[in-house]
């Protein structure tokens, strides 16, 4: 895959992460579930869509990568938020967690892509 296409796909994925967070949180309130589980499952679905439509690898590899990346990115976003680096700009650390989750997911997708393309 050309670098320009990957950058375009990552930009779309970043935008989808940012815009779907509010929808996923409101869905979690309607279903009365834990917001972390709702976000984790929602981001895993977004990752699955990206894996099957963008990467087109083997189905088992797509599912494993999508779920692991969603869980790891959400965990690291929460840990990054606990550092309180942007407390003056984002008092409740919500935007920081959303942006960190999107950035970590894209970084992990690029790492997985580079590992897969070298084999």
PDB file of N, CA and C in Angstrom:
ATOM      1  N   UNK A   1       0.854  -1.169   0.000  1.00  0.00           N
ATOM      2  CA  UNK A   1       0.000   0.000   0.000  1.00  0.00           C
ATOM      3  C   UNK A   1       0.902   1.236   0.000  1.00  0.00           C
ATOM      4  N   UNK A   2       0.577   2.185  -0.820  1.00  0.00           N
ATOM      5  CA  UNK A   2       1.380   3.406  -0.914  1.00  0.00           C
ATOM      6  C   UNK A   2       1.267   4.232   0.368  1.00  0.00           C
ATOM      7  N   UNK A   3       2.331   4.977   0.697  1.00  0.00           N
ATOM      8  CA  UNK A   3       2.276   5.806   1.918  1.00  0.00           C
ATOM      9  C   UNK A   3       1.166   6.856   1.886  1.00  0.00           C
ATOM     10  N   UNK A   4       0.885   7.418   0.705  1.00  0.00           N
ATOM     11  CA  UNK A   4      -0.165   8.428   0.613  1.00  0.00           C
ATOM     12  C   UNK A   4      -1.532   7.835   0.945  1.00  0.00           C
ATOM     13  N   UNK A   5      -1.761   6.625   0.498  1.00  0.00           N
ATOM     14  CA  UNK A   5      -3.041   5.973   0.779  1.00  0.00           C
ATOM     15  C   UNK A   5      -3.149   5.645   2.265  1.00  0.00           C
ATOM     16  N   UNK A   6      -2.036   5.173   2.856  1.00  0.00           N
ATOM     17  CA  UNK A   6      -2.056   4.884   4.293  1.00  0.00           C
ATOM     18  C   UNK A   6      -2.315   6.138   5.108  1.00  0.00           C
ATOM     19  N   UNK A   7      -1.699   7.257   4.729  1.00  0.00           N
ATOM     20  CA  UNK A   7      -1.926   8.516   5.456  1.00  0.00           C
ATOM     21  C   UNK A   7      -3.386   8.931   5.338  1.00  0.00           C
ATOM     22  N   UNK A   8      -3.959   8.779   4.158  1.00  0.00           N
ATOM     23  CA  UNK A   8      -5.373   9.114   3.966  1.00  0.00           C
ATOM     24  C   UNK A   8      -6.267   8.212   4.819  1.00  0.00           C
ATOM     25  N   UNK A   9      -5.983   6.926   4.826  1.00  0.00           N
ATOM     26  CA  UNK A   9      -6.792   5.998   5.621  1.00  0.00           C
ATOM     27  C   UNK A   9      -6.638   6.286   7.112  1.00  0.00           C
ATOM     28  N   UNK A  10      -5.415   6.590   7.555  1.00  0.00           N
ATOM     29  CA  UNK A  10      -5.204   6.918   8.968  1.00  0.00           C
ATOM     30  C   UNK A  10      -5.910   8.222   9.340  1.00  0.00           C
ATOM     31  N   UNK A  11      -5.958   9.172   8.424  1.00  0.00           N
ATOM     32  CA  UNK A  11      -6.674  10.424   8.694  1.00  0.00           C
ATOM     33  C   UNK A  11      -8.166  10.167   8.854  1.00  0.00           C
ATOM     34  N   UNK A  12      -8.699   9.329   7.991  1.00  0.00           N
ATOM     35  CA  UNK A  12     -10.118   8.977   8.093  1.00  0.00           C
ATOM     36  C   UNK A  12     -10.381   8.220   9.391  1.00  0.00           C
ATOM     37  N   UNK A  13      -9.480   7.306   9.740  1.00  0.00           N
ATOM     38  CA  UNK A  13      -9.628   6.549  10.983  1.00  0.00           C
ATOM     39  C   UNK A  13      -9.560   7.465  12.199  1.00  0.00           C
ATOM     40  N   UNK A  14      -8.652   8.431  12.177  1.00  0.00           N
ATOM     41  CA  UNK A  14      -8.539   9.401  13.268  1.00  0.00           C
ATOM     42  C   UNK A  14      -9.834  10.197  13.405  1.00  0.00           C
ATOM     43  N   UNK A  15     -10.385  10.658  12.289  1.00  0.00           N
ATOM     44  CA  UNK A  15     -11.640  11.403  12.309  1.00  0.00           C
ATOM     45  C   UNK A  15     -12.781  10.533  12.838  1.00  0.00           C
ATOM     46  N   UNK A  16     -12.813   9.272  12.432  1.00  0.00           N
ATOM     47  CA  UNK A  16     -13.862   8.371  12.919  1.00  0.00           C
ATOM     48  C   UNK A  16     -13.753   8.130  14.421  1.00  0.00           C
ATOM     49  N   UNK A  17     -12.530   8.004  14.916  1.00  0.00           N
ATOM     50  CA  UNK A  17     -12.352   7.851  16.361  1.00  0.00           C
ATOM     51  C   UNK A  17     -12.887   9.074  17.103  1.00  0.00           C
ATOM     52  N   UNK A  18     -12.560  10.248  16.605  1.00  0.00           N
ATOM     53  CA  UNK A  18     -12.985  11.467  17.299  1.00  0.00           C
ATOM     54  C   UNK A  18     -14.497  11.650  17.257  1.00  0.00           C
ATOM     55  N   UNK A  19     -15.102  11.365  16.120  1.00  0.00           N
ATOM     56  CA  UNK A  19     -16.539  11.612  15.991  1.00  0.00           C
ATOM     57  C   UNK A  19     -17.390  10.504  16.605  1.00  0.00           C
ATOM     58  N   UNK A  20     -16.878   9.289  16.655  1.00  0.00           N
ATOM     59  CA  UNK A  20     -17.697   8.188  17.173  1.00  0.00           C
ATOM     60  C   UNK A  20     -17.676   8.088  18.694  1.00  0.00           C
ATOM     61  N   UNK A  21     -16.768   8.777  19.347  1.00  0.00           N
ATOM     62  CA  UNK A  21     -16.660   8.662  20.804  1.00  0.00           C
ATOM     63  C   UNK A  21     -17.942   9.120  21.494  1.00  0.00           C
ATOM     64  N   UNK A  22     -18.485  10.251  21.076  1.00  0.00           N
ATOM     65  CA  UNK A  22     -19.720  10.758  21.691  1.00  0.00           C
ATOM     66  C   UNK A  22     -20.871   9.779  21.465  1.00  0.00           C
ATOM     67  N   UNK A  23     -20.965   9.254  20.254  1.00  0.00           N
ATOM     68  CA  UNK A  23     -22.019   8.290  19.951  1.00  0.00           C
ATOM     69  C   UNK A  23     -21.882   7.033  20.811  1.00  0.00           C
ATOM     70  N   UNK A  24     -20.654   6.548  20.958  1.00  0.00           N
ATOM     71  CA  UNK A  24     -20.439   5.338  21.758  1.00  0.00           C
ATOM     72  C   UNK A  24     -20.742   5.568  23.234  1.00  0.00           C
ATOM     73  N   UNK A  25     -20.380   6.742  23.747  1.00  0.00           N
ATOM     74  CA  UNK A  25     -20.680   7.042  25.150  1.00  0.00           C
ATOM     75  C   UNK A  25     -22.180   7.167  25.388  1.00  0.00           C
ATOM     76  N   UNK A  26     -22.900   7.800  24.452  1.00  0.00           N
ATOM     77  CA  UNK A  26     -24.351   7.899  24.617  1.00  0.00           C
ATOM     78  C   UNK A  26     -25.017   6.535  24.449  1.00  0.00           C
ATOM     79  N   UNK A  27     -24.463   5.690  23.597  1.00  0.00           N
ATOM     80  CA  UNK A  27     -24.975   4.328  23.473  1.00  0.00           C
ATOM     81  C   UNK A  27     -24.759   3.553  24.767  1.00  0.00           C
ATOM     82  N   UNK A  28     -23.625   3.763  25.402  1.00  0.00           N
ATOM     83  CA  UNK A  28     -23.353   3.117  26.687  1.00  0.00           C
ATOM     84  C   UNK A  28     -24.302   3.570  27.773  1.00  0.00           C
ATOM     85  N   UNK A  29     -24.695   4.856  27.744  1.00  0.00           N
ATOM     86  CA  UNK A  29     -25.669   5.349  28.724  1.00  0.00           C
ATOM     87  C   UNK A  29     -27.039   4.737  28.491  1.00  0.00           C
ATOM     88  N   UNK A  30     -27.414   4.589  27.224  1.00  0.00           N
ATOM     89  CA  UNK A  30     -28.709   3.984  26.913  1.00  0.00           C
ATOM     90  C   UNK A  30     -28.730   2.520  27.351  1.00  0.00           C
ATOM     91  N   UNK A  31     -27.631   1.810  27.081  1.00  0.00           N
ATOM     92  CA  UNK A  31     -27.553   0.395  27.444  1.00  0.00           C
ATOM     93  C   UNK A  31     -27.203   0.169  28.910  1.00  0.00           C
ATOM     94  N   UNK A  32     -26.832   1.258  29.595  1.00  0.00           N
ATOM     95  CA  UNK A  32     -26.445   1.212  31.015  1.00  0.00           C
ATOM     96  C   UNK A  32     -25.286   0.233  31.246  1.00  0.00           C
ATOM     97  N   UNK A  33     -24.243   0.404  30.436  1.00  0.00           N
ATOM     98  CA  UNK A  33     -23.043  -0.415  30.578  1.00  0.00           C
ATOM     99  C   UNK A  33     -21.877   0.464  31.001  1.00  0.00           C
ATOM    100  N   UNK A  34     -20.786  -0.179  31.329  1.00  0.00           N
ATOM    101  CA  UNK A  34     -19.565   0.526  31.693  1.00  0.00           C
ATOM    102  C   UNK A  34     -19.044   1.270  30.458  1.00  0.00           C
ATOM    103  N   UNK A  35     -18.727   2.569  30.569  1.00  0.00           N
ATOM    104  CA  UNK A  35     -18.279   3.312  29.387  1.00  0.00           C
ATOM    105  C   UNK A  35     -16.986   2.766  28.787  1.00  0.00           C
ATOM    106  N   UNK A  36     -16.121   2.194  29.608  1.00  0.00           N
ATOM    107  CA  UNK A  36     -14.870   1.654  29.073  1.00  0.00           C
ATOM    108  C   UNK A  36     -15.122   0.422  28.215  1.00  0.00           C
ATOM    109  N   UNK A  37     -16.070  -0.388  28.623  1.00  0.00           N
ATOM    110  CA  UNK A  37     -16.413  -1.558  27.808  1.00  0.00           C
ATOM    111  C   UNK A  37     -17.089  -1.135  26.513  1.00  0.00           C
ATOM    112  N   UNK A  38     -17.968  -0.157  26.603  1.00  0.00           N
ATOM    113  CA  UNK A  38     -18.647   0.313  25.404  1.00  0.00           C
ATOM    114  C   UNK A  38     -17.653   0.923  24.428  1.00  0.00           C
ATOM    115  N   UNK A  39     -16.750   1.763  24.936  1.00  0.00           N
ATOM    116  CA  UNK A  39     -15.740   2.356  24.062  1.00  0.00           C
ATOM    117  C   UNK A  39     -14.812   1.292  23.496  1.00  0.00           C
ATOM    118  N   UNK A  40     -14.410   0.352  24.318  1.00  0.00           N
ATOM    119  CA  UNK A  40     -13.523  -0.706  23.841  1.00  0.00           C
ATOM    120  C   UNK A  40     -14.150  -1.528  22.733  1.00  0.00           C
ATOM    121  N   UNK A  41     -15.410  -1.898  22.915  1.00  0.00           N
ATOM    122  CA  UNK A  41     -16.105  -2.672  21.878  1.00  0.00           C
ATOM    123  C   UNK A  41     -16.342  -1.833  20.626  1.00  0.00           C
ATOM    124  N   UNK A  42     -16.706  -0.577  20.813  1.00  0.00           N
ATOM    125  CA  UNK A  42     -16.929   0.297  19.658  1.00  0.00           C
ATOM    126  C   UNK A  42     -15.662   0.535  18.862  1.00  0.00           C
ATOM    127  N   UNK A  43     -14.555   0.768  19.558  1.00  0.00           N
ATOM    128  CA  UNK A  43     -13.291   0.967  18.855  1.00  0.00           C
ATOM    129  C   UNK A  43     -12.802  -0.330  18.224  1.00  0.00           C
ATOM    130  N   UNK A  44     -13.119  -1.466  18.839  1.00  0.00           N
ATOM    131  CA  UNK A  44     -12.769  -2.748  18.225  1.00  0.00           C
ATOM    132  C   UNK A  44     -13.537  -2.943  16.922  1.00  0.00           C
ATOM    133  N   UNK A  45     -14.799  -2.515  16.892  1.00  0.00           N
ATOM    134  CA  UNK A  45     -15.583  -2.608  15.653  1.00  0.00           C
ATOM    135  C   UNK A  45     -14.992  -1.696  14.581  1.00  0.00           C
ATOM    136  N   UNK A  46     -14.607  -0.475  14.965  1.00  0.00           N
ATOM    137  CA  UNK A  46     -13.952   0.415  13.995  1.00  0.00           C
ATOM    138  C   UNK A  46     -12.654  -0.201  13.479  1.00  0.00           C
ATOM    139  N   UNK A  47     -11.895  -0.806  14.370  1.00  0.00           N
ATOM    140  CA  UNK A  47     -10.655  -1.450  13.955  1.00  0.00           C
ATOM    141  C   UNK A  47     -10.924  -2.645  13.044  1.00  0.00           C
ATOM    142  N   UNK A  48     -11.983  -3.385  13.335  1.00  0.00           N
ATOM    143  CA  UNK A  48     -12.344  -4.504  12.460  1.00  0.00           C
ATOM    144  C   UNK A  48     -12.702  -4.019  11.062  1.00  0.00           C
ATOM    145  N   UNK A  49     -13.470  -2.936  10.995  1.00  0.00           N
ATOM    146  CA  UNK A  49     -13.802  -2.377   9.683  1.00  0.00           C
ATOM    147  C   UNK A  49     -12.547  -1.973   8.924  1.00  0.00           C
ATOM    148  N   UNK A  50     -11.635  -1.314   9.623  1.00  0.00           N
ATOM    149  CA  UNK A  50     -10.386  -0.915   8.975  1.00  0.00           C
ATOM    150  C   UNK A  50      -9.581  -2.135   8.539  1.00  0.00           C
ATOM    151  N   UNK A  51      -9.508  -3.143   9.393  1.00  0.00           N
ATOM    152  CA  UNK A  51      -8.705  -4.322   9.075  1.00  0.00           C
ATOM    153  C   UNK A  51      -9.263  -5.071   7.868  1.00  0.00           C
ATOM    154  N   UNK A  52     -10.581  -5.235   7.820  1.00  0.00           N
ATOM    155  CA  UNK A  52     -11.160  -6.001   6.721  1.00  0.00           C
ATOM    156  C   UNK A  52     -11.249  -5.196   5.430  1.00  0.00           C
ATOM    157  N   UNK A  53     -11.535  -3.903   5.522  1.00  0.00           N
ATOM    158  CA  UNK A  53     -11.668  -3.096   4.309  1.00  0.00           C
ATOM    159  C   UNK A  53     -10.342  -2.511   3.837  1.00  0.00           C
ATOM    160  N   UNK A  54      -9.497  -2.114   4.769  1.00  0.00           N
ATOM    161  CA  UNK A  54      -8.255  -1.457   4.384  1.00  0.00           C
ATOM    162  C   UNK A  54      -7.088  -2.392   4.186  1.00  0.00           C
ATOM    163  N   UNK A  55      -6.918  -3.335   5.087  1.00  0.00           N
ATOM    164  CA  UNK A  55      -5.729  -4.190   5.041  1.00  0.00           C
ATOM    165  C   UNK A  55      -5.956  -5.484   4.276  1.00  0.00           C
ATOM    166  N   UNK A  56      -7.131  -6.069   4.433  1.00  0.00           N
ATOM    167  CA  UNK A  56      -7.511  -7.285   3.710  1.00  0.00           C
ATOM    168  C   UNK A  56      -6.528  -8.426   3.941  1.00  0.00           C
ATOM    169  N   UNK A  57      -6.200  -8.654   5.214  1.00  0.00           N
ATOM    170  CA  UNK A  57      -5.350  -9.778   5.568  1.00  0.00           C
ATOM    171  C   UNK A  57      -6.228 -10.988   5.838  1.00  0.00           C
ATOM    172  N   UNK A  58      -5.642 -12.002   6.453  1.00  0.00           N
ATOM    173  CA  UNK A  58      -6.416 -13.185   6.832  1.00  0.00           C
ATOM    174  C   UNK A  58      -7.404 -12.799   7.933  1.00  0.00           C
ATOM    175  N   UNK A  59      -8.600 -13.387   7.924  1.00  0.00           N
ATOM    176  CA  UNK A  59      -9.626 -12.980   8.896  1.00  0.00           C
ATOM    177  C   UNK A  59      -9.205 -13.116  10.354  1.00  0.00           C
ATOM    178  N   UNK A  60      -8.529 -14.198  10.703  1.00  0.00           N
ATOM    179  CA  UNK A  60      -8.125 -14.372  12.098  1.00  0.00           C
ATOM    180  C   UNK A  60      -7.120 -13.307  12.515  1.00  0.00           C
ATOM    181  N   UNK A  61      -6.186 -12.988  11.639  1.00  0.00           N
ATOM    182  CA  UNK A  61      -5.206 -11.941  11.928  1.00  0.00           C
ATOM    183  C   UNK A  61      -5.887 -10.580  12.061  1.00  0.00           C
ATOM    184  N   UNK A  62      -6.879 -10.318  11.216  1.00  0.00           N
ATOM    185  CA  UNK A  62      -7.634  -9.067  11.305  1.00  0.00           C
ATOM    186  C   UNK A  62      -8.326  -8.930  12.658  1.00  0.00           C
ATOM    187  N   UNK A  63      -8.995  -9.980  13.087  1.00  0.00           N
ATOM    188  CA  UNK A  63      -9.750  -9.926  14.342  1.00  0.00           C
ATOM    189  C   UNK A  63      -8.810  -9.769  15.529  1.00  0.00           C
ATOM    190  N   UNK A  64      -7.740 -10.549  15.552  1.00  0.00           N
ATOM    191  CA  UNK A  64      -6.796 -10.472  16.671  1.00  0.00           C
ATOM    192  C   UNK A  64      -6.172  -9.088  16.757  1.00  0.00           C
ATOM    193  N   UNK A  65      -5.696  -8.569  15.630  1.00  0.00           N
ATOM    194  CA  UNK A  65      -5.062  -7.242  15.632  1.00  0.00           C
ATOM    195  C   UNK A  65      -6.049  -6.157  16.041  1.00  0.00           C
ATOM    196  N   UNK A  66      -7.269  -6.227  15.538  1.00  0.00           N
ATOM    197  CA  UNK A  66      -8.257  -5.195  15.840  1.00  0.00           C
ATOM    198  C   UNK A  66      -8.599  -5.162  17.327  1.00  0.00           C
ATOM    199  N   UNK A  67      -8.820  -6.312  17.921  1.00  0.00           N
ATOM    200  CA  UNK A  67      -9.201  -6.357  19.335  1.00  0.00           C
ATOM    201  C   UNK A  67      -8.026  -5.968  20.231  1.00  0.00           C
ATOM    202  N   UNK A  68      -6.843  -6.478  19.923  1.00  0.00           N
ATOM    203  CA  UNK A  68      -5.674  -6.164  20.747  1.00  0.00           C
ATOM    204  C   UNK A  68      -5.338  -4.678  20.659  1.00  0.00           C
ATOM    205  N   UNK A  69      -5.387  -4.116  19.462  1.00  0.00           N
ATOM    206  CA  UNK A  69      -5.071  -2.695  19.302  1.00  0.00           C
ATOM    207  C   UNK A  69      -6.101  -1.830  20.015  1.00  0.00           C
ATOM    208  N   UNK A  70      -7.377  -2.181  19.926  1.00  0.00           N
ATOM    209  CA  UNK A  70      -8.410  -1.393  20.614  1.00  0.00           C
ATOM    210  C   UNK A  70      -8.206  -1.420  22.125  1.00  0.00           C
ATOM    211  N   UNK A  71      -7.939  -2.593  22.672  1.00  0.00           N
ATOM    212  CA  UNK A  71      -7.753  -2.703  24.127  1.00  0.00           C
ATOM    213  C   UNK A  71      -6.480  -2.002  24.580  1.00  0.00           C
ATOM    214  N   UNK A  72      -5.396  -2.210  23.854  1.00  0.00           N
ATOM    215  CA  UNK A  72      -4.121  -1.610  24.238  1.00  0.00           C
ATOM    216  C   UNK A  72      -4.148  -0.089  24.105  1.00  0.00           C
ATOM    217  N   UNK A  73      -4.760   0.408  23.043  1.00  0.00           N
ATOM    218  CA  UNK A  73      -4.834   1.861  22.853  1.00  0.00           C
ATOM    219  C   UNK A  73      -5.708   2.515  23.919  1.00  0.00           C
ATOM    220  N   UNK A  74      -6.816   1.879  24.271  1.00  0.00           N
ATOM    221  CA  UNK A  74      -7.676   2.436  25.317  1.00  0.00           C
ATOM    222  C   UNK A  74      -6.967   2.427  26.669  1.00  0.00           C
ATOM    223  N   UNK A  75      -6.256   1.357  26.974  1.00  0.00           N
ATOM    224  CA  UNK A  75      -5.507   1.284  28.227  1.00  0.00           C
ATOM    225  C   UNK A  75      -4.422   2.359  28.277  1.00  0.00           C
ATOM    226  N   UNK A  76      -3.660   2.489  27.202  1.00  0.00           N
ATOM    227  CA  UNK A  76      -2.589   3.486  27.190  1.00  0.00           C
ATOM    228  C   UNK A  76      -3.133   4.913  27.193  1.00  0.00           C
ATOM    229  N   UNK A  77      -4.283   5.126  26.578  1.00  0.00           N
ATOM    230  CA  UNK A  77      -4.886   6.458  26.612  1.00  0.00           C
ATOM    231  C   UNK A  77      -5.274   6.831  28.040  1.00  0.00           C
ATOM    232  N   UNK A  78      -5.802   5.876  28.783  1.00  0.00           N
ATOM    233  CA  UNK A  78      -6.146   6.147  30.183  1.00  0.00           C
ATOM    234  C   UNK A  78      -4.895   6.389  31.020  1.00  0.00           C
ATOM    235  N   UNK A  79      -3.842   5.636  30.762  1.00  0.00           N
ATOM    236  CA  UNK A  79      -2.591   5.849  31.495  1.00  0.00           C
ATOM    237  C   UNK A  79      -1.974   7.201  31.141  1.00  0.00           C
ATOM    238  N   UNK A  80      -2.060   7.584  29.873  1.00  0.00           N
ATOM    239  CA  UNK A  80      -1.550   8.885  29.440  1.00  0.00           C
ATOM    240  C   UNK A  80      -2.345  10.015  30.086  1.00  0.00           C
ATOM    241  N   UNK A  81      -3.650   9.819  30.220  1.00  0.00           N
ATOM    242  CA  UNK A  81      -4.498  10.819  30.856  1.00  0.00           C
ATOM    243  C   UNK A  81      -4.147  10.977  32.330  1.00  0.00           C
ATOM    244  N   UNK A  82      -3.759   9.892  32.973  1.00  0.00           N
ATOM    245  CA  UNK A  82      -3.398   9.953  34.392  1.00  0.00           C
ATOM    246  C   UNK A  82      -2.129  10.755  34.646  1.00  0.00           C
ATOM    247  N   UNK A  83      -1.377  11.070  33.613  1.00  0.00           N
ATOM    248  CA  UNK A  83      -0.185  11.899  33.783  1.00  0.00           C
ATOM    249  C   UNK A  83      -0.532  13.365  34.027  1.00  0.00           C
ATOM    250  N   UNK A  84      -1.744  13.779  33.666  1.00  0.00           N
ATOM    251  CA  UNK A  84      -2.244  15.148  33.862  1.00  0.00           C
ATOM    252  C   UNK A  84      -1.328  16.187  33.197  1.00  0.00           C
ATOM    253  N   UNK A  85      -0.926  15.913  31.963  1.00  0.00           N
ATOM    254  CA  UNK A  85      -0.032  16.828  31.250  1.00  0.00           C
ATOM    255  C   UNK A  85      -0.751  18.079  30.753  1.00  0.00           C
ATOM    256  N   UNK A  86      -2.012  17.950  30.392  1.00  0.00           N
ATOM    257  CA  UNK A  86      -2.750  19.063  29.808  1.00  0.00           C
ATOM    258  C   UNK A  86      -3.892  19.509  30.716  1.00  0.00           C
ATOM    259  N   UNK A  87      -3.647  19.548  31.990  1.00  0.00           N
ATOM    260  CA  UNK A  87      -4.684  19.879  32.961  1.00  0.00           C
ATOM    261  C   UNK A  87      -5.183  21.309  32.797  1.00  0.00           C
ATOM    262  N   UNK A  88      -4.321  22.233  32.371  1.00  0.00           N
ATOM    263  CA  UNK A  88      -4.738  23.626  32.171  1.00  0.00           C
ATOM    264  C   UNK A  88      -5.641  23.788  30.955  1.00  0.00           C
ATOM    265  N   UNK A  89      -5.473  22.946  29.943  1.00  0.00           N
ATOM    266  CA  UNK A  89      -6.247  23.067  28.708  1.00  0.00           C
ATOM    267  C   UNK A  89      -7.484  22.179  28.699  1.00  0.00           C
ATOM    268  N   UNK A  90      -7.414  21.078  29.422  1.00  0.00           N
ATOM    269  CA  UNK A  90      -8.504  20.107  29.452  1.00  0.00           C
ATOM    270  C   UNK A  90      -8.699  19.643  30.897  1.00  0.00           C
ATOM    271  N   UNK A  91      -9.496  20.385  31.684  1.00  0.00           N
ATOM    272  CA  UNK A  91      -9.583  20.094  33.121  1.00  0.00           C
ATOM    273  C   UNK A  91     -10.083  18.685  33.450  1.00  0.00           C
ATOM    274  N   UNK A  92     -10.995  18.159  32.659  1.00  0.00           N
ATOM    275  CA  UNK A  92     -11.541  16.836  32.952  1.00  0.00           C
ATOM    276  C   UNK A  92     -10.810  15.719  32.216  1.00  0.00           C
ATOM    277  N   UNK A  93      -9.845  16.058  31.395  1.00  0.00           N
ATOM    278  CA  UNK A  93      -8.989  15.108  30.680  1.00  0.00           C
ATOM    279  C   UNK A  93      -9.752  14.231  29.689  1.00  0.00           C
ATOM    280  N   UNK A  94     -10.936  14.653  29.263  1.00  0.00           N
ATOM    281  CA  UNK A  94     -11.722  13.853  28.326  1.00  0.00           C
ATOM    282  C   UNK A  94     -11.140  13.951  26.923  1.00  0.00           C
ATOM    283  N   UNK A  95     -10.888  15.170  26.471  1.00  0.00           N
ATOM    284  CA  UNK A  95     -10.334  15.348  25.124  1.00  0.00           C
ATOM    285  C   UNK A  95      -8.952  14.725  25.015  1.00  0.00           C
ATOM    286  N   UNK A  96      -8.186  14.813  26.079  1.00  0.00           N
ATOM    287  CA  UNK A  96      -6.850  14.214  26.077  1.00  0.00           C
ATOM    288  C   UNK A  96      -6.942  12.706  25.883  1.00  0.00           C
ATOM    289  N   UNK A  97      -7.875  12.070  26.562  1.00  0.00           N
ATOM    290  CA  UNK A  97      -8.036  10.621  26.431  1.00  0.00           C
ATOM    291  C   UNK A  97      -8.506  10.239  25.031  1.00  0.00           C
ATOM    292  N   UNK A  98      -9.411  11.024  24.459  1.00  0.00           N
ATOM    293  CA  UNK A  98      -9.923  10.721  23.124  1.00  0.00           C
ATOM    294  C   UNK A  98      -8.816  10.857  22.082  1.00  0.00           C
ATOM    295  N   UNK A  99      -8.077  11.957  22.138  1.00  0.00           N
ATOM    296  CA  UNK A  99      -6.986  12.155  21.187  1.00  0.00           C
ATOM    297  C   UNK A  99      -5.890  11.108  21.374  1.00  0.00           C
ATOM    298  N   UNK A 100      -5.559  10.804  22.613  1.00  0.00           N
ATOM    299  CA  UNK A 100      -4.512   9.811  22.874  1.00  0.00           C
ATOM    300  C   UNK A 100      -4.924   8.441  22.355  1.00  0.00           C
ATOM    301  N   UNK A 101      -6.179   8.087  22.534  1.00  0.00           N
ATOM    302  CA  UNK A 101      -6.661   6.804  22.033  1.00  0.00           C
ATOM    303  C   UNK A 101      -6.550   6.736  20.516  1.00  0.00           C
ATOM    304  N   UNK A 102      -6.947   7.791  19.842  1.00  0.00           N
ATOM    305  CA  UNK A 102      -6.866   7.803  18.382  1.00  0.00           C
ATOM    306  C   UNK A 102      -5.420   7.724  17.909  1.00  0.00           C
ATOM    307  N   UNK A 103      -4.550   8.484  18.532  1.00  0.00           N
ATOM    308  CA  UNK A 103      -3.141   8.495  18.121  1.00  0.00           C
ATOM    309  C   UNK A 103      -2.482   7.145  18.406  1.00  0.00           C
ATOM    310  N   UNK A 104      -2.727   6.580  19.579  1.00  0.00           N
ATOM    311  CA  UNK A 104      -2.138   5.275  19.901  1.00  0.00           C
ATOM    312  C   UNK A 104      -2.635   4.195  18.945  1.00  0.00           C
ATOM    313  N   UNK A 105      -3.914   4.234  18.589  1.00  0.00           N
ATOM    314  CA  UNK A 105      -4.446   3.235  17.659  1.00  0.00           C
ATOM    315  C   UNK A 105      -3.759   3.327  16.307  1.00  0.00           C
ATOM    316  N   UNK A 106      -3.589   4.531  15.819  1.00  0.00           N
ATOM    317  CA  UNK A 106      -2.952   4.709  14.515  1.00  0.00           C
ATOM    318  C   UNK A 106      -1.488   4.283  14.565  1.00  0.00           C
ATOM    319  N   UNK A 107      -0.809   4.599  15.640  1.00  0.00           N
ATOM    320  CA  UNK A 107       0.593   4.176  15.781  1.00  0.00           C
ATOM    321  C   UNK A 107       0.685   2.650  15.794  1.00  0.00           C
ATOM    322  N   UNK A 108      -0.202   2.000  16.530  1.00  0.00           N
ATOM    323  CA  UNK A 108      -0.164   0.536  16.587  1.00  0.00           C
ATOM    324  C   UNK A 108      -0.526  -0.099  15.250  1.00  0.00           C
ATOM    325  N   UNK A 109      -1.468   0.512  14.510  1.00  0.00           N
ATOM    326  CA  UNK A 109      -1.791  -0.016  13.186  1.00  0.00           C
ATOM    327  C   UNK A 109      -0.594   0.097  12.250  1.00  0.00           C
ATOM    328  N   UNK A 110       0.128   1.188  12.343  1.00  0.00           N
ATOM    329  CA  UNK A 110       1.307   1.343  11.487  1.00  0.00           C
ATOM    330  C   UNK A 110       2.391   0.336  11.875  1.00  0.00           C
ATOM    331  N   UNK A 111       2.570   0.091  13.162  1.00  0.00           N
ATOM    332  CA  UNK A 111       3.550  -0.910  13.605  1.00  0.00           C
ATOM    333  C   UNK A 111       3.171  -2.294  13.080  1.00  0.00           C
ATOM    334  N   UNK A 112       1.902  -2.654  13.215  1.00  0.00           N
ATOM    335  CA  UNK A 112       1.447  -3.959  12.727  1.00  0.00           C
ATOM    336  C   UNK A 112       1.614  -4.045  11.217  1.00  0.00           C
ATOM    337  N   UNK A 113       1.304  -2.968  10.508  1.00  0.00           N
ATOM    338  CA  UNK A 113       1.453  -2.966   9.051  1.00  0.00           C
ATOM    339  C   UNK A 113       2.915  -3.146   8.652  1.00  0.00           C
ATOM    340  N   UNK A 114       3.815  -2.446   9.326  1.00  0.00           N
ATOM    341  CA  UNK A 114       5.240  -2.562   8.999  1.00  0.00           C
ATOM    342  C   UNK A 114       5.757  -3.970   9.295  1.00  0.00           C
ATOM    343  N   UNK A 115       5.343  -4.555  10.397  1.00  0.00           N
ATOM    344  CA  UNK A 115       5.769  -5.924  10.721  1.00  0.00           C
ATOM    345  C   UNK A 115       5.235  -6.906   9.687  1.00  0.00           C
ATOM    346  N   UNK A 116       3.967  -6.748   9.329  1.00  0.00           N
ATOM    347  CA  UNK A 116       3.353  -7.660   8.357  1.00  0.00           C
ATOM    348  C   UNK A 116       3.963  -7.496   6.973  1.00  0.00           C
ATOM    349  N   UNK A 117       4.288  -6.275   6.575  1.00  0.00           N
ATOM    350  CA  UNK A 117       4.820  -6.054   5.225  1.00  0.00           C
ATOM    351  C   UNK A 117       6.261  -6.544   5.092  1.00  0.00           C
ATOM    352  N   UNK A 118       6.980  -6.651   6.180  1.00  0.00           N
ATOM    353  CA  UNK A 118       8.362  -7.145   6.124  1.00  0.00           C
ATOM    354  C   UNK A 118       8.420  -8.664   6.021  1.00  0.00           C
ATOM    355  N   UNK A 119       7.367  -9.349   6.441  1.00  0.00           N
ATOM    356  CA  UNK A 119       7.362 -10.828   6.385  1.00  0.00           C
ATOM    357  C   UNK A 119       6.935 -11.328   5.044  1.00  0.00           C
TER     358      UNK A 119
END
